[in-house]
Amino acid sequence: GFTFEYYSLGNYTGAAKNLWQHRIKKVKYDAIFLNGTLAVAAFK
């Protein structure tokens, strides 16, 4: 029953905001794995 989705931000903080608006707010994720400083800073 495990699934995962993978995205790369391409080192653009704006991509994190778009991903939040267009995907994350619409889908229930049990956990979000942030891989890298820029990703963590953007989602903080």
ModelCIF file with pLDDT and N, C-alpha, C, O atoms, coordinates in Angstrom:
data_MODEL
#
_entry.id   MODEL 
#
_entity.id                         1 
_entity.type                       polymer 
_entity.pdbx_number_of_molecules   1 
#
_entity_poly.entity_id                      1 
_entity_poly.type                           'polypeptide(L)' 
_entity_poly.nstd_linkage                   no 
_entity_poly.nstd_monomer                   no 
_entity_poly.pdbx_seq_one_letter_code       GFTFEYYSLGNYTGAAKNLWQHRIKKVKYDAIFLNGTLAVAAFK 
_entity_poly.pdbx_seq_one_letter_code_can   GFTFEYYSLGNYTGAAKNLWQHRIKKVKYDAIFLNGTLAVAAFK 
_entity_poly.pdbx_strand_id                 A 
#
loop_
_entity_poly_seq.entity_id 
_entity_poly_seq.num 
_entity_poly_seq.mon_id 
_entity_poly_seq.hetero 
1 1  GLY n 
1 2  PHE n 
1 3  THR n 
1 4  PHE n 
1 5  GLU n 
1 6  TYR n 
1 7  TYR n 
1 8  SER n 
1 9  LEU n 
1 10 GLY n 
1 11 ASN n 
1 12 TYR n 
1 13 THR n 
1 14 GLY n 
1 15 ALA n 
1 16 ALA n 
1 17 LYS n 
1 18 ASN n 
1 19 LEU n 
1 20 TRP n 
1 21 GLN n 
1 22 HIS n 
1 23 ARG n 
1 24 ILE n 
1 25 LYS n 
1 26 LYS n 
1 27 VAL n 
1 28 LYS n 
1 29 TYR n 
1 30 ASP n 
1 31 ALA n 
1 32 ILE n 
1 33 PHE n 
1 34 LEU n 
1 35 ASN n 
1 36 GLY n 
1 37 THR n 
1 38 LEU n 
1 39 ALA n 
1 40 VAL n 
1 41 ALA n 
1 42 ALA n 
1 43 PHE n 
1 44 LYS n 
#
_struct_asym.id          A 
_struct_asym.entity_id   1 
#
loop_
_ma_qa_metric.id 
_ma_qa_metric.mode 
_ma_qa_metric.name 
_ma_qa_metric.software_group_id 
_ma_qa_metric.type 
1 global pLDDT . pLDDT 
2 local  pLDDT . pLDDT 
#
_ma_qa_metric_global.metric_id      1 
_ma_qa_metric_global.metric_value   96.34 
_ma_qa_metric_global.model_id       1 
_ma_qa_metric_global.ordinal_id     1 
#
loop_
_ma_qa_metric_local.label_asym_id 
_ma_qa_metric_local.label_comp_id 
_ma_qa_metric_local.label_seq_id 
_ma_qa_metric_local.metric_id 
_ma_qa_metric_local.metric_value 
_ma_qa_metric_local.model_id 
_ma_qa_metric_local.ordinal_id 
A GLY 1  2 92.00 1 1  
A PHE 2  2 96.00 1 2  
A THR 3  2 96.00 1 3  
A PHE 4  2 96.00 1 4  
A GLU 5  2 97.00 1 5  
A TYR 6  2 97.00 1 6  
A TYR 7  2 97.00 1 7  
A SER 8  2 97.00 1 8  
A LEU 9  2 97.00 1 9  
A GLY 10 2 95.00 1 10 
A ASN 11 2 92.00 1 11 
A TYR 12 2 94.00 1 12 
A THR 13 2 94.00 1 13 
A GLY 14 2 95.00 1 14 
A ALA 15 2 97.00 1 15 
A ALA 16 2 98.00 1 16 
A LYS 17 2 97.00 1 17 
A ASN 18 2 97.00 1 18 
A LEU 19 2 97.00 1 19 
A TRP 20 2 98.00 1 20 
A GLN 21 2 96.00 1 21 
A HIS 22 2 96.00 1 22 
A ARG 23 2 96.00 1 23 
A ILE 24 2 97.00 1 24 
A LYS 25 2 95.00 1 25 
A LYS 26 2 94.00 1 26 
A VAL 27 2 94.00 1 27 
A LYS 28 2 92.00 1 28 
A TYR 29 2 97.00 1 29 
A ASP 30 2 97.00 1 30 
A ALA 31 2 98.00 1 31 
A ILE 32 2 98.00 1 32 
A PHE 33 2 98.00 1 33 
A LEU 34 2 98.00 1 34 
A ASN 35 2 98.00 1 35 
A GLY 36 2 97.00 1 36 
A THR 37 2 96.00 1 37 
A LEU 38 2 96.00 1 38 
A ALA 39 2 98.00 1 39 
A VAL 40 2 98.00 1 40 
A ALA 41 2 97.00 1 41 
A ALA 42 2 98.00 1 42 
A PHE 43 2 98.00 1 43 
A LYS 44 2 98.00 1 44 
#
loop_
_atom_site.group_PDB 
_atom_site.id 
_atom_site.type_symbol 
_atom_site.label_atom_id 
_atom_site.label_alt_id 
_atom_site.label_comp_id 
_atom_site.label_asym_id 
_atom_site.label_entity_id 
_atom_site.label_seq_id 
_atom_site.pdbx_PDB_ins_code 
_atom_site.Cartn_x 
_atom_site.Cartn_y 
_atom_site.Cartn_z 
_atom_site.occupancy 
_atom_site.B_iso_or_equiv 
_atom_site.pdbx_formal_charge 
_atom_site.auth_seq_id 
_atom_site.auth_comp_id 
_atom_site.auth_asym_id 
_atom_site.auth_atom_id 
_atom_site.pdbx_PDB_model_num 
ATOM 1   N N  . GLY A 1 1  ? 0.789  -1.227 0.000   1.00 92.00 ? 1  GLY A N  1 
ATOM 2   C CA . GLY A 1 1  ? 0.000  0.000  0.000   1.00 92.00 ? 1  GLY A CA 1 
ATOM 3   C C  . GLY A 1 1  ? 0.812  1.263  0.000   1.00 92.00 ? 1  GLY A C  1 
ATOM 4   O O  . GLY A 1 1  ? 0.285  2.330  0.313   1.00 92.00 ? 1  GLY A O  1 
ATOM 5   N N  . PHE A 1 2  ? 2.085  1.180  -0.342  1.00 96.00 ? 2  PHE A N  1 
ATOM 6   C CA . PHE A 1 2  ? 2.956  2.357  -0.315  1.00 96.00 ? 2  PHE A CA 1 
ATOM 7   C C  . PHE A 1 2  ? 3.083  2.961  -1.700  1.00 96.00 ? 2  PHE A C  1 
ATOM 8   O O  . PHE A 1 2  ? 3.303  2.239  -2.673  1.00 96.00 ? 2  PHE A O  1 
ATOM 9   N N  . THR A 1 3  ? 2.948  4.265  -1.804  1.00 96.00 ? 3  THR A N  1 
ATOM 10  C CA . THR A 1 3  ? 3.184  4.989  -3.047  1.00 96.00 ? 3  THR A CA 1 
ATOM 11  C C  . THR A 1 3  ? 4.046  6.207  -2.747  1.00 96.00 ? 3  THR A C  1 
ATOM 12  O O  . THR A 1 3  ? 4.062  6.701  -1.619  1.00 96.00 ? 3  THR A O  1 
ATOM 13  N N  . PHE A 1 4  ? 4.760  6.687  -3.753  1.00 96.00 ? 4  PHE A N  1 
ATOM 14  C CA . PHE A 1 4  ? 5.487  7.936  -3.572  1.00 96.00 ? 4  PHE A CA 1 
ATOM 15  C C  . PHE A 1 4  ? 5.452  8.756  -4.849  1.00 96.00 ? 4  PHE A C  1 
ATOM 16  O O  . PHE A 1 4  ? 5.321  8.219  -5.949  1.00 96.00 ? 4  PHE A O  1 
ATOM 17  N N  . GLU A 1 5  ? 5.570  10.053 -4.685  1.00 97.00 ? 5  GLU A N  1 
ATOM 18  C CA . GLU A 1 5  ? 5.697  10.983 -5.792  1.00 97.00 ? 5  GLU A CA 1 
ATOM 19  C C  . GLU A 1 5  ? 7.030  11.709 -5.647  1.00 97.00 ? 5  GLU A C  1 
ATOM 20  O O  . GLU A 1 5  ? 7.472  12.012 -4.539  1.00 97.00 ? 5  GLU A O  1 
ATOM 21  N N  . TYR A 1 6  ? 7.653  11.977 -6.771  1.00 97.00 ? 6  TYR A N  1 
ATOM 22  C CA . TYR A 1 6  ? 8.980  12.607 -6.745  1.00 97.00 ? 6  TYR A CA 1 
ATOM 23  C C  . TYR A 1 6  ? 8.979  13.887 -7.581  1.00 97.00 ? 6  TYR A C  1 
ATOM 24  O O  . TYR A 1 6  ? 8.450  13.917 -8.692  1.00 97.00 ? 6  TYR A O  1 
ATOM 25  N N  . TYR A 1 7  ? 9.577  14.933 -7.032  1.00 97.00 ? 7  TYR A N  1 
ATOM 26  C CA . TYR A 1 7  ? 9.728  16.203 -7.720  1.00 97.00 ? 7  TYR A CA 1 
ATOM 27  C C  . TYR A 1 7  ? 11.130 16.759 -7.476  1.00 97.00 ? 7  TYR A C  1 
ATOM 28  O O  . TYR A 1 7  ? 11.719 16.550 -6.415  1.00 97.00 ? 7  TYR A O  1 
ATOM 29  N N  . SER A 1 8  ? 11.652 17.469 -8.475  1.00 97.00 ? 8  SER A N  1 
ATOM 30  C CA . SER A 1 8  ? 12.852 18.280 -8.285  1.00 97.00 ? 8  SER A CA 1 
ATOM 31  C C  . SER A 1 8  ? 12.459 19.739 -8.466  1.00 97.00 ? 8  SER A C  1 
ATOM 32  O O  . SER A 1 8  ? 11.749 20.088 -9.409  1.00 97.00 ? 8  SER A O  1 
ATOM 33  N N  . LEU A 1 9  ? 12.929 20.588 -7.554  1.00 97.00 ? 9  LEU A N  1 
ATOM 34  C CA . LEU A 1 9  ? 12.633 22.017 -7.639  1.00 97.00 ? 9  LEU A CA 1 
ATOM 35  C C  . LEU A 1 9  ? 13.541 22.755 -8.619  1.00 97.00 ? 9  LEU A C  1 
ATOM 36  O O  . LEU A 1 9  ? 13.289 23.914 -8.947  1.00 97.00 ? 9  LEU A O  1 
ATOM 37  N N  . GLY A 1 10 ? 14.595 22.091 -9.086  1.00 95.00 ? 10 GLY A N  1 
ATOM 38  C CA . GLY A 1 10 ? 15.523 22.758 -9.990  1.00 95.00 ? 10 GLY A CA 1 
ATOM 39  C C  . GLY A 1 10 ? 16.203 23.958 -9.362  1.00 95.00 ? 10 GLY A C  1 
ATOM 40  O O  . GLY A 1 10 ? 16.640 24.875 -10.056 1.00 95.00 ? 10 GLY A O  1 
ATOM 41  N N  . ASN A 1 11 ? 16.289 23.940 -8.015  1.00 92.00 ? 11 ASN A N  1 
ATOM 42  C CA . ASN A 1 11 ? 16.881 25.036 -7.246  1.00 92.00 ? 11 ASN A CA 1 
ATOM 43  C C  . ASN A 1 11 ? 16.117 26.355 -7.415  1.00 92.00 ? 11 ASN A C  1 
ATOM 44  O O  . ASN A 1 11 ? 16.705 27.431 -7.298  1.00 92.00 ? 11 ASN A O  1 
ATOM 45  N N  . TYR A 1 12 ? 14.820 26.275 -7.690  1.00 94.00 ? 12 TYR A N  1 
ATOM 46  C CA . TYR A 1 12 ? 13.955 27.451 -7.743  1.00 94.00 ? 12 TYR A CA 1 
ATOM 47  C C  . TYR A 1 12 ? 13.004 27.427 -6.549  1.00 94.00 ? 12 TYR A C  1 
ATOM 48  O O  . TYR A 1 12 ? 12.214 26.494 -6.405  1.00 94.00 ? 12 TYR A O  1 
ATOM 49  N N  . THR A 1 13 ? 13.074 28.441 -5.695  1.00 94.00 ? 13 THR A N  1 
ATOM 50  C CA . THR A 1 13 ? 12.132 28.496 -4.578  1.00 94.00 ? 13 THR A CA 1 
ATOM 51  C C  . THR A 1 13 ? 10.707 28.708 -5.073  1.00 94.00 ? 13 THR A C  1 
ATOM 52  O O  . THR A 1 13 ? 9.753  28.260 -4.436  1.00 94.00 ? 13 THR A O  1 
ATOM 53  N N  . GLY A 1 14 ? 10.563 29.385 -6.200  1.00 95.00 ? 14 GLY A N  1 
ATOM 54  C CA . GLY A 1 14 ? 9.232  29.585 -6.759  1.00 95.00 ? 14 GLY A CA 1 
ATOM 55  C C  . GLY A 1 14 ? 8.550  28.284 -7.128  1.00 95.00 ? 14 GLY A C  1 
ATOM 56  O O  . GLY A 1 14 ? 7.324  28.186 -7.064  1.00 95.00 ? 14 GLY A O  1 
ATOM 57  N N  . ALA A 1 15 ? 9.333  27.276 -7.516  1.00 97.00 ? 15 ALA A N  1 
ATOM 58  C CA . ALA A 1 15 ? 8.750  25.974 -7.843  1.00 97.00 ? 15 ALA A CA 1 
ATOM 59  C C  . ALA A 1 15 ? 8.108  25.339 -6.620  1.00 97.00 ? 15 ALA A C  1 
ATOM 60  O O  . ALA A 1 15 ? 7.108  24.631 -6.736  1.00 97.00 ? 15 ALA A O  1 
ATOM 61  N N  . ALA A 1 16 ? 8.688  25.593 -5.434  1.00 98.00 ? 16 ALA A N  1 
ATOM 62  C CA . ALA A 1 16 ? 8.092  25.068 -4.205  1.00 98.00 ? 16 ALA A CA 1 
ATOM 63  C C  . ALA A 1 16 ? 6.725  25.700 -3.954  1.00 98.00 ? 16 ALA A C  1 
ATOM 64  O O  . ALA A 1 16 ? 5.791  25.010 -3.546  1.00 98.00 ? 16 ALA A O  1 
ATOM 65  N N  . LYS A 1 17 ? 6.602  26.991 -4.192  1.00 97.00 ? 17 LYS A N  1 
ATOM 66  C CA . LYS A 1 17 ? 5.318  27.676 -3.995  1.00 97.00 ? 17 LYS A CA 1 
ATOM 67  C C  . LYS A 1 17 ? 4.273  27.174 -4.976  1.00 97.00 ? 17 LYS A C  1 
ATOM 68  O O  . LYS A 1 17 ? 3.115  26.985 -4.606  1.00 97.00 ? 17 LYS A O  1 
ATOM 69  N N  . ASN A 1 18 ? 4.673  26.956 -6.230  1.00 97.00 ? 18 ASN A N  1 
ATOM 70  C CA . ASN A 1 18 ? 3.737  26.417 -7.221  1.00 97.00 ? 18 ASN A CA 1 
ATOM 71  C C  . ASN A 1 18 ? 3.309  25.005 -6.872  1.00 97.00 ? 18 ASN A C  1 
ATOM 72  O O  . ASN A 1 18 ? 2.137  24.647 -6.991  1.00 97.00 ? 18 ASN A O  1 
ATOM 73  N N  . LEU A 1 19 ? 4.286  24.201 -6.435  1.00 97.00 ? 19 LEU A N  1 
ATOM 74  C CA . LEU A 1 19 ? 3.981  22.829 -6.045  1.00 97.00 ? 19 LEU A CA 1 
ATOM 75  C C  . LEU A 1 19 ? 3.009  22.809 -4.876  1.00 97.00 ? 19 LEU A C  1 
ATOM 76  O O  . LEU A 1 19 ? 2.097  21.983 -4.836  1.00 97.00 ? 19 LEU A O  1 
ATOM 77  N N  . TRP A 1 20 ? 3.202  23.710 -3.933  1.00 98.00 ? 20 TRP A N  1 
ATOM 78  C CA . TRP A 1 20 ? 2.312  23.799 -2.775  1.00 98.00 ? 20 TRP A CA 1 
ATOM 79  C C  . TRP A 1 20 ? 0.883  24.136 -3.212  1.00 98.00 ? 20 TRP A C  1 
ATOM 80  O O  . TRP A 1 20 ? -0.075 23.495 -2.781  1.00 98.00 ? 20 TRP A O  1 
ATOM 81  N N  . GLN A 1 21 ? 0.758  25.138 -4.063  1.00 96.00 ? 21 GLN A N  1 
ATOM 82  C CA . GLN A 1 21 ? -0.568 25.584 -4.479  1.00 96.00 ? 21 GLN A CA 1 
ATOM 83  C C  . GLN A 1 21 ? -1.283 24.580 -5.374  1.00 96.00 ? 21 GLN A C  1 
ATOM 84  O O  . GLN A 1 21 ? -2.483 24.351 -5.222  1.00 96.00 ? 21 GLN A O  1 
ATOM 85  N N  . HIS A 1 22 ? -0.553 23.985 -6.300  1.00 96.00 ? 22 HIS A N  1 
ATOM 86  C CA . HIS A 1 22 ? -1.185 23.175 -7.336  1.00 96.00 ? 22 HIS A CA 1 
ATOM 87  C C  . HIS A 1 22 ? -1.241 21.680 -7.021  1.00 96.00 ? 22 HIS A C  1 
ATOM 88  O O  . HIS A 1 22 ? -1.965 20.932 -7.678  1.00 96.00 ? 22 HIS A O  1 
ATOM 89  N N  . ARG A 1 23 ? -0.477 21.246 -6.012  1.00 96.00 ? 23 ARG A N  1 
ATOM 90  C CA . ARG A 1 23 ? -0.458 19.809 -5.738  1.00 96.00 ? 23 ARG A CA 1 
ATOM 91  C C  . ARG A 1 23 ? -0.634 19.487 -4.258  1.00 96.00 ? 23 ARG A C  1 
ATOM 92  O O  . ARG A 1 23 ? -1.562 18.772 -3.883  1.00 96.00 ? 23 ARG A O  1 
ATOM 93  N N  . ILE A 1 24 ? 0.250  20.010 -3.424  1.00 97.00 ? 24 ILE A N  1 
ATOM 94  C CA . ILE A 1 24 ? 0.293  19.557 -2.031  1.00 97.00 ? 24 ILE A CA 1 
ATOM 95  C C  . ILE A 1 24 ? -0.991 19.905 -1.288  1.00 97.00 ? 24 ILE A C  1 
ATOM 96  O O  . ILE A 1 24 ? -1.481 19.102 -0.494  1.00 97.00 ? 24 ILE A O  1 
ATOM 97  N N  . LYS A 1 25 ? -1.537 21.084 -1.534  1.00 95.00 ? 25 LYS A N  1 
ATOM 98  C CA . LYS A 1 25 ? -2.762 21.494 -0.843  1.00 95.00 ? 25 LYS A CA 1 
ATOM 99  C C  . LYS A 1 25 ? -3.977 20.666 -1.283  1.00 95.00 ? 25 LYS A C  1 
ATOM 100 O O  . LYS A 1 25 ? -5.008 20.665 -0.612  1.00 95.00 ? 25 LYS A O  1 
ATOM 101 N N  . LYS A 1 26 ? -3.847 19.965 -2.413  1.00 94.00 ? 26 LYS A N  1 
ATOM 102 C CA . LYS A 1 26 ? -4.971 19.195 -2.952  1.00 94.00 ? 26 LYS A CA 1 
ATOM 103 C C  . LYS A 1 26 ? -4.874 17.707 -2.663  1.00 94.00 ? 26 LYS A C  1 
ATOM 104 O O  . LYS A 1 26 ? -5.839 16.972 -2.872  1.00 94.00 ? 26 LYS A O  1 
ATOM 105 N N  . VAL A 1 27 ? -3.719 17.251 -2.183  1.00 94.00 ? 27 VAL A N  1 
ATOM 106 C CA . VAL A 1 27 ? -3.487 15.818 -1.980  1.00 94.00 ? 27 VAL A CA 1 
ATOM 107 C C  . VAL A 1 27 ? -3.063 15.581 -0.532  1.00 94.00 ? 27 VAL A C  1 
ATOM 108 O O  . VAL A 1 27 ? -2.290 16.359 0.027   1.00 94.00 ? 27 VAL A O  1 
ATOM 109 N N  . LYS A 1 28 ? -3.564 14.518 0.066   1.00 92.00 ? 28 LYS A N  1 
ATOM 110 C CA . LYS A 1 28 ? -3.179 14.172 1.437   1.00 92.00 ? 28 LYS A CA 1 
ATOM 111 C C  . LYS A 1 28 ? -1.943 13.281 1.402   1.00 92.00 ? 28 LYS A C  1 
ATOM 112 O O  . LYS A 1 28 ? -2.000 12.143 0.935   1.00 92.00 ? 28 LYS A O  1 
ATOM 113 N N  . TYR A 1 29 ? -0.824 13.806 1.901   1.00 97.00 ? 29 TYR A N  1 
ATOM 114 C CA . TYR A 1 29 ? 0.399  13.024 2.011   1.00 97.00 ? 29 TYR A CA 1 
ATOM 115 C C  . TYR A 1 29 ? 0.625  12.649 3.473   1.00 97.00 ? 29 TYR A C  1 
ATOM 116 O O  . TYR A 1 29 ? 0.422  13.463 4.374   1.00 97.00 ? 29 TYR A O  1 
ATOM 117 N N  . ASP A 1 30 ? 1.045  11.413 3.692   1.00 97.00 ? 30 ASP A N  1 
ATOM 118 C CA . ASP A 1 30 ? 1.298  10.969 5.066   1.00 97.00 ? 30 ASP A CA 1 
ATOM 119 C C  . ASP A 1 30 ? 2.624  11.506 5.584   1.00 97.00 ? 30 ASP A C  1 
ATOM 120 O O  . ASP A 1 30 ? 2.801  11.659 6.793   1.00 97.00 ? 30 ASP A O  1 
ATOM 121 N N  . ALA A 1 31 ? 3.556  11.794 4.683   1.00 98.00 ? 31 ALA A N  1 
ATOM 122 C CA . ALA A 1 31 ? 4.844  12.382 5.051   1.00 98.00 ? 31 ALA A CA 1 
ATOM 123 C C  . ALA A 1 31 ? 5.421  13.076 3.829   1.00 98.00 ? 31 ALA A C  1 
ATOM 124 O O  . ALA A 1 31 ? 5.150  12.683 2.694   1.00 98.00 ? 31 ALA A O  1 
ATOM 125 N N  . ILE A 1 32 ? 6.217  14.111 4.067   1.00 98.00 ? 32 ILE A N  1 
ATOM 126 C CA . ILE A 1 32 ? 6.901  14.826 2.990   1.00 98.00 ? 32 ILE A CA 1 
ATOM 127 C C  . ILE A 1 32 ? 8.398  14.804 3.288   1.00 98.00 ? 32 ILE A C  1 
ATOM 128 O O  . ILE A 1 32 ? 8.841  15.226 4.356   1.00 98.00 ? 32 ILE A O  1 
ATOM 129 N N  . PHE A 1 33 ? 9.161  14.306 2.326   1.00 98.00 ? 33 PHE A N  1 
ATOM 130 C CA . PHE A 1 33 ? 10.619 14.206 2.465   1.00 98.00 ? 33 PHE A CA 1 
ATOM 131 C C  . PHE A 1 33 ? 11.267 15.329 1.668   1.00 98.00 ? 33 PHE A C  1 
ATOM 132 O O  . PHE A 1 33 ? 11.111 15.406 0.450   1.00 98.00 ? 33 PHE A O  1 
ATOM 133 N N  . LEU A 1 34 ? 11.994 16.200 2.360   1.00 98.00 ? 34 LEU A N  1 
ATOM 134 C CA . LEU A 1 34 ? 12.670 17.335 1.743   1.00 98.00 ? 34 LEU A CA 1 
ATOM 135 C C  . LEU A 1 34 ? 14.165 17.048 1.675   1.00 98.00 ? 34 LEU A C  1 
ATOM 136 O O  . LEU A 1 34 ? 14.807 16.830 2.702   1.00 98.00 ? 34 LEU A O  1 
ATOM 137 N N  . ASN A 1 35 ? 14.711 17.049 0.475   1.00 98.00 ? 35 ASN A N  1 
ATOM 138 C CA . ASN A 1 35 ? 16.076 16.606 0.252   1.00 98.00 ? 35 ASN A CA 1 
ATOM 139 C C  . ASN A 1 35 ? 16.927 17.773 -0.233  1.00 98.00 ? 35 ASN A C  1 
ATOM 140 O O  . ASN A 1 35 ? 17.070 17.987 -1.436  1.00 98.00 ? 35 ASN A O  1 
ATOM 141 N N  . GLY A 1 36 ? 17.500 18.541 0.724   1.00 97.00 ? 36 GLY A N  1 
ATOM 142 C CA . GLY A 1 36 ? 18.355 19.656 0.350   1.00 97.00 ? 36 GLY A CA 1 
ATOM 143 C C  . GLY A 1 36 ? 17.999 20.942 1.076   1.00 97.00 ? 36 GLY A C  1 
ATOM 144 O O  . GLY A 1 36 ? 16.857 21.143 1.487   1.00 97.00 ? 36 GLY A O  1 
ATOM 145 N N  . THR A 1 37 ? 18.995 21.811 1.227   1.00 96.00 ? 37 THR A N  1 
ATOM 146 C CA . THR A 1 37 ? 18.819 23.052 1.967   1.00 96.00 ? 37 THR A CA 1 
ATOM 147 C C  . THR A 1 37 ? 17.775 23.958 1.346   1.00 96.00 ? 37 THR A C  1 
ATOM 148 O O  . THR A 1 37 ? 16.921 24.491 2.054   1.00 96.00 ? 37 THR A O  1 
ATOM 149 N N  . LEU A 1 38 ? 17.828 24.142 0.025   1.00 96.00 ? 38 LEU A N  1 
ATOM 150 C CA . LEU A 1 38 ? 16.882 25.044 -0.617  1.00 96.00 ? 38 LEU A CA 1 
ATOM 151 C C  . LEU A 1 38 ? 15.453 24.554 -0.432  1.00 96.00 ? 38 LEU A C  1 
ATOM 152 O O  . LEU A 1 38 ? 14.555 25.355 -0.174  1.00 96.00 ? 38 LEU A O  1 
ATOM 153 N N  . ALA A 1 39 ? 15.232 23.250 -0.558  1.00 98.00 ? 39 ALA A N  1 
ATOM 154 C CA . ALA A 1 39 ? 13.886 22.692 -0.385  1.00 98.00 ? 39 ALA A CA 1 
ATOM 155 C C  . ALA A 1 39 ? 13.373 22.937 1.031   1.00 98.00 ? 39 ALA A C  1 
ATOM 156 O O  . ALA A 1 39 ? 12.216 23.313 1.220   1.00 98.00 ? 39 ALA A O  1 
ATOM 157 N N  . VAL A 1 40 ? 14.231 22.725 2.020   1.00 98.00 ? 40 VAL A N  1 
ATOM 158 C CA . VAL A 1 40 ? 13.821 22.925 3.414   1.00 98.00 ? 40 VAL A CA 1 
ATOM 159 C C  . VAL A 1 40 ? 13.523 24.397 3.684   1.00 98.00 ? 40 VAL A C  1 
ATOM 160 O O  . VAL A 1 40 ? 12.513 24.721 4.309   1.00 98.00 ? 40 VAL A O  1 
ATOM 161 N N  . ALA A 1 41 ? 14.386 25.280 3.220   1.00 97.00 ? 41 ALA A N  1 
ATOM 162 C CA . ALA A 1 41 ? 14.165 26.709 3.434   1.00 97.00 ? 41 ALA A CA 1 
ATOM 163 C C  . ALA A 1 41 ? 12.864 27.168 2.781   1.00 97.00 ? 41 ALA A C  1 
ATOM 164 O O  . ALA A 1 41 ? 12.126 27.967 3.357   1.00 97.00 ? 41 ALA A O  1 
ATOM 165 N N  . ALA A 1 42 ? 12.584 26.665 1.583   1.00 98.00 ? 42 ALA A N  1 
ATOM 166 C CA . ALA A 1 42 ? 11.378 27.070 0.867   1.00 98.00 ? 42 ALA A CA 1 
ATOM 167 C C  . ALA A 1 42 ? 10.120 26.613 1.588   1.00 98.00 ? 42 ALA A C  1 
ATOM 168 O O  . ALA A 1 42 ? 9.162  27.375 1.715   1.00 98.00 ? 42 ALA A O  1 
ATOM 169 N N  . PHE A 1 43 ? 10.119 25.381 2.058   1.00 98.00 ? 43 PHE A N  1 
ATOM 170 C CA . PHE A 1 43 ? 8.914  24.869 2.705   1.00 98.00 ? 43 PHE A CA 1 
ATOM 171 C C  . PHE A 1 43 ? 8.791  25.310 4.158   1.00 98.00 ? 43 PHE A C  1 
ATOM 172 O O  . PHE A 1 43 ? 7.695  25.287 4.717   1.00 98.00 ? 43 PHE A O  1 
ATOM 173 N N  . LYS A 1 44 ? 9.891  25.708 4.770   1.00 98.00 ? 44 LYS A N  1 
ATOM 174 C CA . LYS A 1 44 ? 9.768  26.343 6.090   1.00 98.00 ? 44 LYS A CA 1 
ATOM 175 C C  . LYS A 1 44 ? 8.980  27.644 5.966   1.00 98.00 ? 44 LYS A C  1 
ATOM 176 O O  . LYS A 1 44 ? 8.765  28.333 6.963   1.00 98.00 ? 44 LYS A O  1 
#
